[in-house]
N, C-alpha and C. Protein backbone atom coordinates (compact mmCIF):
# COMPACT_ATOMS: atom_id res chain seq x y z
N MET A 1 24.40 295.96 133.24
CA MET A 1 23.23 295.22 133.63
C MET A 1 22.03 295.65 132.78
N SER A 2 21.36 294.69 132.24
CA SER A 2 20.24 294.95 131.36
C SER A 2 19.03 295.43 132.15
N LEU A 3 18.32 296.42 131.56
CA LEU A 3 17.08 296.90 132.16
C LEU A 3 15.92 295.97 131.88
N LEU A 4 15.95 295.28 130.71
CA LEU A 4 14.90 294.40 130.30
C LEU A 4 15.33 292.94 130.50
N ASN A 5 14.60 292.24 131.36
CA ASN A 5 14.95 290.85 131.58
C ASN A 5 14.53 289.98 130.40
N ASP A 6 14.92 288.72 130.39
CA ASP A 6 14.67 287.85 129.24
C ASP A 6 13.18 287.71 128.97
N HIS A 7 12.38 287.64 129.98
CA HIS A 7 10.91 287.48 129.80
C HIS A 7 10.31 288.72 129.11
N ILE A 8 10.72 289.90 129.51
CA ILE A 8 10.20 291.14 128.89
C ILE A 8 10.71 291.24 127.46
N GLN A 9 11.99 290.87 127.24
CA GLN A 9 12.51 290.93 125.86
C GLN A 9 11.71 290.01 124.95
N LYS A 10 11.38 288.82 125.44
CA LYS A 10 10.59 287.86 124.66
C LYS A 10 9.23 288.46 124.33
N GLN A 11 8.55 289.08 125.29
CA GLN A 11 7.29 289.71 125.06
C GLN A 11 7.34 290.79 124.00
N ILE A 12 8.37 291.64 124.10
CA ILE A 12 8.55 292.71 123.13
C ILE A 12 8.85 292.20 121.74
N ARG A 13 9.72 291.18 121.64
CA ARG A 13 9.98 290.58 120.32
C ARG A 13 8.68 290.05 119.70
N GLU A 14 7.85 289.41 120.51
CA GLU A 14 6.58 288.89 120.01
C GLU A 14 5.69 290.06 119.54
N ALA A 15 5.62 291.14 120.29
CA ALA A 15 4.87 292.29 119.87
C ALA A 15 5.43 292.91 118.61
N PHE A 16 6.76 292.97 118.50
CA PHE A 16 7.39 293.58 117.36
C PHE A 16 7.30 292.72 116.09
N ALA A 17 6.81 291.51 116.19
CA ALA A 17 6.52 290.67 114.99
C ALA A 17 5.51 291.36 114.15
N ALA A 18 4.67 292.27 114.74
CA ALA A 18 3.64 293.01 113.96
C ALA A 18 4.18 294.26 113.30
N LEU A 19 5.48 294.56 113.46
CA LEU A 19 6.04 295.74 112.80
C LEU A 19 6.02 295.51 111.31
N THR A 20 5.53 296.51 110.52
CA THR A 20 5.45 296.35 109.12
C THR A 20 6.44 297.26 108.37
N GLY A 21 6.69 298.43 108.92
CA GLY A 21 7.60 299.37 108.31
C GLY A 21 8.69 299.77 109.27
N PRO A 22 9.73 300.42 108.77
CA PRO A 22 10.84 300.85 109.64
C PRO A 22 10.41 301.98 110.57
N VAL A 23 11.03 302.01 111.75
CA VAL A 23 10.81 303.05 112.72
C VAL A 23 12.16 303.62 113.09
N LYS A 24 12.22 304.92 113.19
CA LYS A 24 13.41 305.64 113.57
C LYS A 24 13.11 306.34 114.91
N ILE A 25 13.90 305.96 115.92
CA ILE A 25 13.77 306.57 117.25
C ILE A 25 14.95 307.59 117.34
N VAL A 26 14.58 308.82 117.68
CA VAL A 26 15.58 309.86 117.80
C VAL A 26 15.62 310.32 119.27
N LEU A 27 16.76 310.14 119.89
CA LEU A 27 16.95 310.51 121.31
C LEU A 27 17.83 311.71 121.42
N PHE A 28 17.35 312.70 122.11
CA PHE A 28 18.20 313.86 122.50
C PHE A 28 18.58 313.73 123.94
N THR A 29 19.85 313.80 124.22
CA THR A 29 20.38 313.57 125.53
C THR A 29 21.59 314.47 125.75
N GLN A 30 22.31 314.30 126.79
CA GLN A 30 23.61 314.90 127.03
C GLN A 30 24.47 313.87 127.67
N GLY A 31 25.74 314.12 127.75
CA GLY A 31 26.64 313.18 128.41
C GLY A 31 26.18 312.86 129.79
N GLU A 32 26.43 311.63 130.19
CA GLU A 32 25.98 311.16 131.55
C GLU A 32 26.58 311.99 132.68
N ASP A 33 27.64 312.75 132.41
CA ASP A 33 28.29 313.50 133.47
C ASP A 33 27.59 314.88 133.68
N VAL A 34 26.55 315.17 132.92
CA VAL A 34 25.85 316.43 133.03
C VAL A 34 24.75 316.29 134.07
N PRO A 35 24.83 317.05 135.20
CA PRO A 35 23.87 316.88 136.27
C PRO A 35 22.43 317.30 135.89
N GLU A 36 22.25 318.12 134.86
CA GLU A 36 20.89 318.54 134.53
C GLU A 36 20.02 317.43 133.94
N CYS A 37 20.66 316.32 133.56
CA CYS A 37 19.91 315.26 132.95
C CYS A 37 20.25 313.95 133.66
N GLU A 38 19.59 313.76 134.80
CA GLU A 38 19.86 312.60 135.62
C GLU A 38 19.36 311.26 135.00
N THR A 39 18.37 311.35 134.12
CA THR A 39 17.81 310.10 133.56
C THR A 39 18.25 309.88 132.10
N CYS A 40 19.11 310.71 131.57
CA CYS A 40 19.52 310.53 130.18
C CYS A 40 20.19 309.14 129.96
N ALA A 41 21.05 308.79 130.81
CA ALA A 41 21.76 307.49 130.62
C ALA A 41 20.75 306.32 130.65
N ASP A 42 19.85 306.35 131.61
CA ASP A 42 18.84 305.29 131.68
C ASP A 42 17.96 305.28 130.44
N THR A 43 17.59 306.44 129.96
CA THR A 43 16.76 306.54 128.75
C THR A 43 17.48 305.94 127.59
N ARG A 44 18.75 306.32 127.43
CA ARG A 44 19.54 305.78 126.34
C ARG A 44 19.68 304.27 126.41
N GLN A 45 20.00 303.75 127.58
CA GLN A 45 20.13 302.31 127.72
C GLN A 45 18.80 301.60 127.39
N LEU A 46 17.69 302.13 127.88
CA LEU A 46 16.40 301.49 127.60
C LEU A 46 16.14 301.48 126.10
N LEU A 47 16.36 302.60 125.43
CA LEU A 47 16.10 302.66 123.99
C LEU A 47 17.07 301.79 123.20
N GLU A 48 18.31 301.69 123.66
CA GLU A 48 19.24 300.75 122.99
C GLU A 48 18.77 299.33 123.09
N GLU A 49 18.28 298.94 124.24
CA GLU A 49 17.78 297.59 124.46
C GLU A 49 16.54 297.32 123.63
N VAL A 50 15.61 298.26 123.59
CA VAL A 50 14.40 298.12 122.85
C VAL A 50 14.69 298.05 121.34
N SER A 51 15.50 298.97 120.85
CA SER A 51 15.79 299.01 119.44
C SER A 51 16.54 297.76 118.96
N ALA A 52 17.28 297.13 119.84
CA ALA A 52 18.03 295.89 119.50
C ALA A 52 17.09 294.71 119.29
N LEU A 53 15.84 294.81 119.67
CA LEU A 53 14.91 293.72 119.59
C LEU A 53 14.23 293.56 118.24
N SER A 54 14.50 294.47 117.31
CA SER A 54 13.95 294.37 115.95
C SER A 54 14.88 295.05 114.95
N ASP A 55 15.07 294.43 113.84
CA ASP A 55 15.89 295.04 112.78
C ASP A 55 15.12 296.12 112.05
N LYS A 56 13.84 296.32 112.34
CA LYS A 56 13.04 297.40 111.77
C LYS A 56 13.17 298.71 112.49
N ILE A 57 13.87 298.69 113.65
CA ILE A 57 14.02 299.90 114.48
C ILE A 57 15.47 300.35 114.46
N THR A 58 15.60 301.65 114.21
CA THR A 58 16.95 302.27 114.31
C THR A 58 16.88 303.31 115.39
N LEU A 59 17.98 303.54 116.07
CA LEU A 59 18.10 304.50 117.11
C LEU A 59 19.18 305.48 116.73
N GLU A 60 18.84 306.78 116.77
CA GLU A 60 19.81 307.87 116.60
C GLU A 60 19.91 308.59 117.91
N VAL A 61 21.12 308.84 118.36
CA VAL A 61 21.36 309.56 119.60
C VAL A 61 22.04 310.89 119.29
N HIS A 62 21.51 311.97 119.81
CA HIS A 62 22.07 313.30 119.57
C HIS A 62 22.27 314.03 120.89
N ASP A 63 23.30 314.84 120.91
CA ASP A 63 23.57 315.67 122.10
C ASP A 63 22.80 316.96 121.98
N PHE A 64 21.97 317.22 122.94
CA PHE A 64 21.06 318.37 122.95
C PHE A 64 21.81 319.71 122.87
N ALA A 65 22.94 319.80 123.60
CA ALA A 65 23.67 321.06 123.65
C ALA A 65 24.55 321.21 122.38
N ARG A 66 25.24 320.16 122.02
CA ARG A 66 26.16 320.24 120.85
C ARG A 66 25.42 320.31 119.53
N GLU A 67 24.24 319.77 119.51
CA GLU A 67 23.47 319.72 118.26
C GLU A 67 22.15 320.52 118.44
N ALA A 68 22.30 321.71 118.96
CA ALA A 68 21.14 322.56 119.25
C ALA A 68 20.29 322.88 118.04
N GLN A 69 20.93 323.05 116.90
CA GLN A 69 20.17 323.36 115.69
C GLN A 69 19.28 322.18 115.30
N LEU A 70 19.82 320.97 115.41
CA LEU A 70 19.02 319.78 115.09
C LEU A 70 17.89 319.62 116.08
N ALA A 71 18.16 319.88 117.36
CA ALA A 71 17.13 319.81 118.37
C ALA A 71 16.00 320.81 118.04
N GLU A 72 16.38 321.99 117.59
CA GLU A 72 15.36 322.98 117.22
C GLU A 72 14.53 322.47 116.04
N GLN A 73 15.17 321.84 115.07
CA GLN A 73 14.47 321.30 113.93
C GLN A 73 13.40 320.27 114.34
N TYR A 74 13.72 319.53 115.39
CA TYR A 74 12.81 318.52 115.90
C TYR A 74 11.86 319.12 116.93
N HIS A 75 11.99 320.42 117.19
CA HIS A 75 11.18 321.10 118.25
C HIS A 75 11.36 320.49 119.64
N ILE A 76 12.62 320.15 119.92
CA ILE A 76 12.98 319.57 121.21
C ILE A 76 13.52 320.70 122.09
N ASP A 77 12.95 320.88 123.26
CA ASP A 77 13.35 321.95 124.15
C ASP A 77 13.74 321.50 125.56
N LYS A 78 13.77 320.20 125.81
CA LYS A 78 14.16 319.64 127.09
C LYS A 78 14.60 318.19 126.87
N ILE A 79 15.35 317.67 127.83
CA ILE A 79 15.87 316.34 127.73
C ILE A 79 15.71 315.54 128.99
N PRO A 80 15.64 314.19 128.90
CA PRO A 80 15.74 313.43 127.69
C PRO A 80 14.46 313.55 126.83
N ALA A 81 14.63 313.54 125.54
CA ALA A 81 13.54 313.67 124.61
C ALA A 81 13.62 312.56 123.59
N VAL A 82 12.47 311.94 123.32
CA VAL A 82 12.39 310.84 122.39
C VAL A 82 11.35 311.24 121.29
N ALA A 83 11.81 311.20 120.07
CA ALA A 83 10.93 311.39 118.91
C ALA A 83 10.80 310.05 118.21
N ILE A 84 9.58 309.70 117.82
CA ILE A 84 9.38 308.44 117.14
C ILE A 84 8.85 308.75 115.72
N LEU A 85 9.62 308.33 114.73
CA LEU A 85 9.31 308.63 113.33
C LEU A 85 9.16 307.37 112.52
N ALA A 86 8.40 307.47 111.46
CA ALA A 86 8.39 306.39 110.46
C ALA A 86 9.74 306.45 109.79
N GLY A 87 10.45 305.35 109.68
CA GLY A 87 11.82 305.36 109.16
C GLY A 87 11.82 305.23 107.62
N GLY A 88 12.92 304.78 107.11
CA GLY A 88 13.06 304.62 105.71
C GLY A 88 13.88 305.76 105.10
N ASP A 89 13.85 305.82 103.78
CA ASP A 89 14.65 306.87 103.07
C ASP A 89 14.16 308.26 103.35
N MET A 90 12.85 308.42 103.50
CA MET A 90 12.26 309.73 103.80
C MET A 90 11.45 309.64 105.10
N PRO A 91 12.14 309.73 106.22
CA PRO A 91 11.43 309.60 107.52
C PRO A 91 10.28 310.58 107.65
N LYS A 92 9.20 310.13 108.27
CA LYS A 92 8.01 310.93 108.49
C LYS A 92 7.91 311.24 109.99
N ASP A 93 7.94 312.51 110.33
CA ASP A 93 7.82 312.91 111.71
C ASP A 93 6.37 313.31 111.98
N TYR A 94 5.71 312.54 112.84
CA TYR A 94 4.33 312.73 113.17
C TYR A 94 4.16 313.70 114.34
N GLY A 95 5.22 314.19 114.94
CA GLY A 95 5.16 315.04 116.11
C GLY A 95 4.91 314.29 117.41
N ILE A 96 5.31 313.02 117.42
CA ILE A 96 5.14 312.18 118.61
C ILE A 96 6.41 312.26 119.46
N ARG A 97 6.23 312.78 120.68
CA ARG A 97 7.39 313.01 121.57
C ARG A 97 7.12 312.44 122.97
N LEU A 98 8.17 311.94 123.57
CA LEU A 98 8.17 311.51 124.96
C LEU A 98 9.31 312.24 125.67
N TYR A 99 8.99 312.92 126.75
CA TYR A 99 10.00 313.64 127.54
C TYR A 99 10.11 313.01 128.92
N GLY A 100 11.32 312.49 129.17
CA GLY A 100 11.57 311.75 130.38
C GLY A 100 11.80 310.32 130.02
N VAL A 101 12.26 309.54 130.94
CA VAL A 101 12.52 308.14 130.64
C VAL A 101 11.17 307.39 130.48
N PRO A 102 10.96 306.69 129.34
CA PRO A 102 9.68 306.03 129.17
C PRO A 102 9.64 304.67 129.89
N ALA A 103 9.55 304.75 131.18
CA ALA A 103 9.59 303.54 132.00
C ALA A 103 8.25 303.43 132.77
N GLY A 104 8.21 302.50 133.68
CA GLY A 104 6.97 302.27 134.42
C GLY A 104 5.78 302.04 133.45
N TYR A 105 4.64 302.61 133.76
CA TYR A 105 3.48 302.43 132.88
C TYR A 105 3.69 303.07 131.50
N GLU A 106 4.58 304.03 131.44
CA GLU A 106 4.83 304.71 130.14
C GLU A 106 5.66 303.86 129.19
N PHE A 107 6.22 302.77 129.65
CA PHE A 107 6.92 301.86 128.75
C PHE A 107 5.95 301.32 127.70
N SER A 108 4.72 301.07 128.14
CA SER A 108 3.71 300.55 127.19
C SER A 108 3.41 301.60 126.10
N THR A 109 3.43 302.89 126.49
CA THR A 109 3.23 303.93 125.51
C THR A 109 4.30 303.92 124.45
N LEU A 110 5.57 303.74 124.87
CA LEU A 110 6.69 303.65 123.93
C LEU A 110 6.48 302.50 122.96
N ILE A 111 6.14 301.34 123.45
CA ILE A 111 5.98 300.15 122.62
C ILE A 111 4.80 300.38 121.65
N GLU A 112 3.67 300.87 122.16
CA GLU A 112 2.53 301.13 121.32
C GLU A 112 2.84 302.16 120.23
N ASP A 113 3.60 303.19 120.58
CA ASP A 113 3.99 304.21 119.61
C ASP A 113 4.80 303.61 118.47
N ILE A 114 5.77 302.76 118.82
CA ILE A 114 6.61 302.09 117.85
C ILE A 114 5.75 301.27 116.90
N LEU A 115 4.82 300.49 117.44
CA LEU A 115 3.95 299.68 116.62
C LEU A 115 3.07 300.53 115.72
N MET A 116 2.46 301.58 116.28
CA MET A 116 1.59 302.43 115.51
C MET A 116 2.32 303.11 114.33
N VAL A 117 3.48 303.66 114.62
CA VAL A 117 4.23 304.36 113.58
C VAL A 117 4.72 303.36 112.51
N SER A 118 5.12 302.18 112.91
CA SER A 118 5.52 301.18 111.97
C SER A 118 4.39 300.82 110.99
N GLN A 119 3.22 300.63 111.56
CA GLN A 119 2.04 300.21 110.77
C GLN A 119 1.37 301.40 110.11
N GLN A 120 1.74 302.61 110.52
CA GLN A 120 1.19 303.87 109.98
C GLN A 120 -0.34 303.89 110.03
N LYS A 121 -0.88 303.39 111.16
CA LYS A 121 -2.34 303.53 111.39
C LYS A 121 -2.60 303.61 112.86
N SER A 122 -3.51 304.53 113.20
CA SER A 122 -3.78 304.85 114.61
C SER A 122 -4.91 304.01 115.20
N ALA A 123 -5.73 303.43 114.39
CA ALA A 123 -6.85 302.66 114.87
C ALA A 123 -7.96 303.56 115.47
N LEU A 124 -7.93 304.87 115.16
CA LEU A 124 -9.02 305.75 115.59
C LEU A 124 -10.23 305.48 114.72
N ASN A 125 -11.42 305.68 115.29
CA ASN A 125 -12.61 305.41 114.52
C ASN A 125 -12.88 306.53 113.48
N ALA A 126 -13.75 306.22 112.55
CA ALA A 126 -14.00 307.13 111.44
C ALA A 126 -14.53 308.47 111.87
N GLN A 127 -15.39 308.51 112.85
CA GLN A 127 -15.95 309.76 113.36
C GLN A 127 -14.85 310.65 113.96
N THR A 128 -13.92 310.06 114.71
CA THR A 128 -12.83 310.87 115.28
C THR A 128 -11.91 311.38 114.18
N LEU A 129 -11.64 310.56 113.18
CA LEU A 129 -10.82 310.99 112.05
C LEU A 129 -11.44 312.15 111.30
N GLU A 130 -12.76 312.13 111.12
CA GLU A 130 -13.47 313.28 110.49
C GLU A 130 -13.38 314.52 111.34
N GLU A 131 -13.50 314.40 112.64
CA GLU A 131 -13.39 315.57 113.53
C GLU A 131 -11.98 316.15 113.48
N LEU A 132 -10.97 315.31 113.41
CA LEU A 132 -9.58 315.76 113.34
C LEU A 132 -9.35 316.55 112.04
N LYS A 133 -10.02 316.19 111.01
CA LYS A 133 -9.82 316.90 109.72
C LYS A 133 -10.33 318.32 109.76
N LYS A 134 -11.15 318.65 110.73
CA LYS A 134 -11.73 320.03 110.85
C LYS A 134 -10.75 321.01 111.42
N LEU A 135 -9.62 320.55 111.95
CA LEU A 135 -8.63 321.48 112.52
C LEU A 135 -8.05 322.36 111.44
N THR A 136 -7.91 323.63 111.78
CA THR A 136 -7.36 324.60 110.83
C THR A 136 -6.09 325.31 111.36
N GLN A 137 -5.83 325.08 112.65
CA GLN A 137 -4.68 325.76 113.28
C GLN A 137 -3.87 324.71 114.06
N PRO A 138 -2.57 324.99 114.19
CA PRO A 138 -1.72 324.06 114.93
C PRO A 138 -2.16 323.88 116.38
N VAL A 139 -2.04 322.67 116.87
CA VAL A 139 -2.36 322.29 118.25
C VAL A 139 -1.19 321.54 118.85
N ASN A 140 -0.79 321.95 120.02
CA ASN A 140 0.29 321.17 120.72
C ASN A 140 -0.33 320.61 122.00
N ILE A 141 -0.55 319.32 121.99
CA ILE A 141 -1.12 318.59 123.15
C ILE A 141 0.02 318.22 124.07
N GLN A 142 -0.11 318.54 125.34
CA GLN A 142 0.87 318.16 126.35
C GLN A 142 0.17 317.30 127.36
N VAL A 143 0.53 316.04 127.44
CA VAL A 143 -0.05 315.09 128.42
C VAL A 143 0.97 314.89 129.49
N PHE A 144 0.64 315.29 130.71
CA PHE A 144 1.56 315.10 131.86
C PHE A 144 1.23 313.73 132.49
N VAL A 145 2.28 312.95 132.71
CA VAL A 145 2.12 311.61 133.23
C VAL A 145 3.07 311.41 134.42
N THR A 146 2.75 310.38 135.17
CA THR A 146 3.68 309.87 136.17
C THR A 146 3.90 308.40 135.83
N LEU A 147 5.09 307.90 136.11
CA LEU A 147 5.39 306.54 135.73
C LEU A 147 4.64 305.45 136.52
N THR A 148 3.98 305.88 137.63
CA THR A 148 3.24 304.95 138.45
C THR A 148 1.76 305.04 138.23
N CYS A 149 1.31 305.84 137.29
CA CYS A 149 -0.16 306.04 137.03
C CYS A 149 -0.64 305.04 135.95
N PRO A 150 -1.53 304.14 136.31
CA PRO A 150 -2.00 303.18 135.33
C PRO A 150 -2.97 303.79 134.27
N HIS A 151 -3.45 304.96 134.53
CA HIS A 151 -4.43 305.62 133.60
C HIS A 151 -3.71 306.54 132.59
N CYS A 152 -2.50 306.96 132.87
CA CYS A 152 -1.83 307.90 131.98
C CYS A 152 -1.54 307.36 130.60
N PRO A 153 -1.16 306.12 130.41
CA PRO A 153 -0.88 305.61 129.09
C PRO A 153 -2.03 305.72 128.10
N VAL A 154 -3.24 305.67 128.59
CA VAL A 154 -4.41 305.80 127.71
C VAL A 154 -4.46 307.23 127.11
N ALA A 155 -4.30 308.22 128.00
CA ALA A 155 -4.28 309.63 127.53
C ALA A 155 -3.09 309.88 126.62
N ALA A 156 -1.94 309.37 126.98
CA ALA A 156 -0.73 309.58 126.17
C ALA A 156 -0.87 308.96 124.80
N SER A 157 -1.38 307.74 124.76
CA SER A 157 -1.59 307.04 123.49
C SER A 157 -2.60 307.80 122.62
N MET A 158 -3.64 308.28 123.21
CA MET A 158 -4.66 309.02 122.44
C MET A 158 -4.10 310.28 121.81
N ALA A 159 -3.29 310.98 122.59
CA ALA A 159 -2.68 312.21 122.05
C ALA A 159 -1.74 311.86 120.91
N HIS A 160 -0.98 310.78 121.03
CA HIS A 160 -0.08 310.40 119.94
C HIS A 160 -0.84 309.91 118.72
N LYS A 161 -1.98 309.30 118.92
CA LYS A 161 -2.80 308.89 117.75
C LYS A 161 -3.32 310.11 117.02
N PHE A 162 -3.76 311.13 117.81
CA PHE A 162 -4.20 312.36 117.13
C PHE A 162 -3.06 312.99 116.29
N ALA A 163 -1.89 313.04 116.86
CA ALA A 163 -0.73 313.61 116.18
C ALA A 163 -0.44 312.81 114.89
N MET A 164 -0.60 311.55 114.95
CA MET A 164 -0.30 310.75 113.79
C MET A 164 -1.27 311.05 112.63
N GLU A 165 -2.48 311.30 112.99
CA GLU A 165 -3.54 311.49 112.00
C GLU A 165 -3.65 312.89 111.46
N ASN A 166 -3.06 313.90 112.10
CA ASN A 166 -3.18 315.27 111.62
C ASN A 166 -1.87 316.01 111.79
N ASP A 167 -1.31 316.51 110.72
CA ASP A 167 -0.02 317.15 110.75
C ASP A 167 -0.06 318.47 111.56
N LEU A 168 -1.22 318.98 111.86
CA LEU A 168 -1.34 320.20 112.64
C LEU A 168 -1.22 319.91 114.14
N ILE A 169 -1.26 318.65 114.52
CA ILE A 169 -1.17 318.26 115.93
C ILE A 169 0.18 317.73 116.26
N LYS A 170 0.76 318.25 117.33
CA LYS A 170 1.98 317.68 117.93
C LYS A 170 1.62 317.27 119.33
N ALA A 171 2.13 316.13 119.75
CA ALA A 171 1.72 315.58 121.06
C ALA A 171 2.94 315.24 121.90
N ASP A 172 3.09 315.90 122.99
CA ASP A 172 4.19 315.69 123.94
C ASP A 172 3.64 314.97 125.15
N VAL A 173 4.30 313.87 125.51
CA VAL A 173 4.05 313.18 126.80
C VAL A 173 5.21 313.54 127.70
N ILE A 174 4.87 314.15 128.82
CA ILE A 174 5.88 314.72 129.70
C ILE A 174 5.79 314.09 131.11
N ASP A 175 6.88 313.56 131.61
CA ASP A 175 6.93 312.99 132.92
C ASP A 175 6.89 314.14 133.94
N ALA A 176 5.80 314.28 134.66
CA ALA A 176 5.61 315.42 135.59
C ALA A 176 6.67 315.40 136.71
N ASN A 177 7.11 314.22 137.09
CA ASN A 177 8.12 314.13 138.14
C ASN A 177 9.49 314.56 137.64
N GLU A 178 9.77 314.34 136.39
CA GLU A 178 11.06 314.72 135.80
C GLU A 178 11.09 316.18 135.44
N PHE A 179 9.97 316.76 135.12
CA PHE A 179 9.90 318.18 134.76
C PHE A 179 8.88 318.90 135.67
N PRO A 180 9.21 318.94 136.99
CA PRO A 180 8.27 319.50 137.96
C PRO A 180 7.99 320.99 137.72
N GLN A 181 8.90 321.71 137.13
CA GLN A 181 8.67 323.15 136.87
C GLN A 181 7.51 323.33 135.89
N LEU A 182 7.39 322.44 134.91
CA LEU A 182 6.25 322.46 133.98
C LEU A 182 4.98 322.04 134.65
N ALA A 183 5.05 321.02 135.45
CA ALA A 183 3.84 320.56 136.17
C ALA A 183 3.32 321.69 137.06
N ILE A 184 4.20 322.38 137.68
CA ILE A 184 3.77 323.53 138.55
C ILE A 184 3.22 324.64 137.70
N LYS A 185 3.91 324.93 136.61
CA LYS A 185 3.46 326.01 135.70
C LYS A 185 2.02 325.82 135.24
N TYR A 186 1.70 324.54 134.91
CA TYR A 186 0.33 324.24 134.40
C TYR A 186 -0.62 323.73 135.44
N GLY A 187 -0.19 323.70 136.69
CA GLY A 187 -1.07 323.30 137.79
C GLY A 187 -1.45 321.80 137.69
N VAL A 188 -0.50 321.02 137.26
CA VAL A 188 -0.79 319.54 137.15
C VAL A 188 -0.52 318.90 138.47
């Protein structure tokens, strides 16, 4: 059974008409029979359906446990994890990550990330870009979201735009309900 109905698929195809460059989506998951990752199968299905809507999008699926060294290279430490890269012969990793199934309101973050990475422009204003250039040390932004929060995608999108514009910034969007131990740790 498809997660995306015909109407949603049509809307996404229309949005993806604006894709200019290739996008590589990298998913780290585990087999569906692993109880530690209850949403891995749903995440994989959703990304398979989304990536099938444009020939500019490729999806790579990796096993977190079996390919631990690759996960470490991508700085992935929990699953399901989605990395969105500019594709092509020399993929560019902007440090854009989504942890948890990108559904609910966070589905819009996924689609916006794909468009932004494809076009390789964040649409941040000149003043913000100048401020981002002043960074001298690495920054890891963690935005905790819930799939039912209509305000979360704005914060998630902003963090990903910052990451795109400065290689010192990595931006993780983390589903607080899927990773409650982290939400508790940080008092979210």
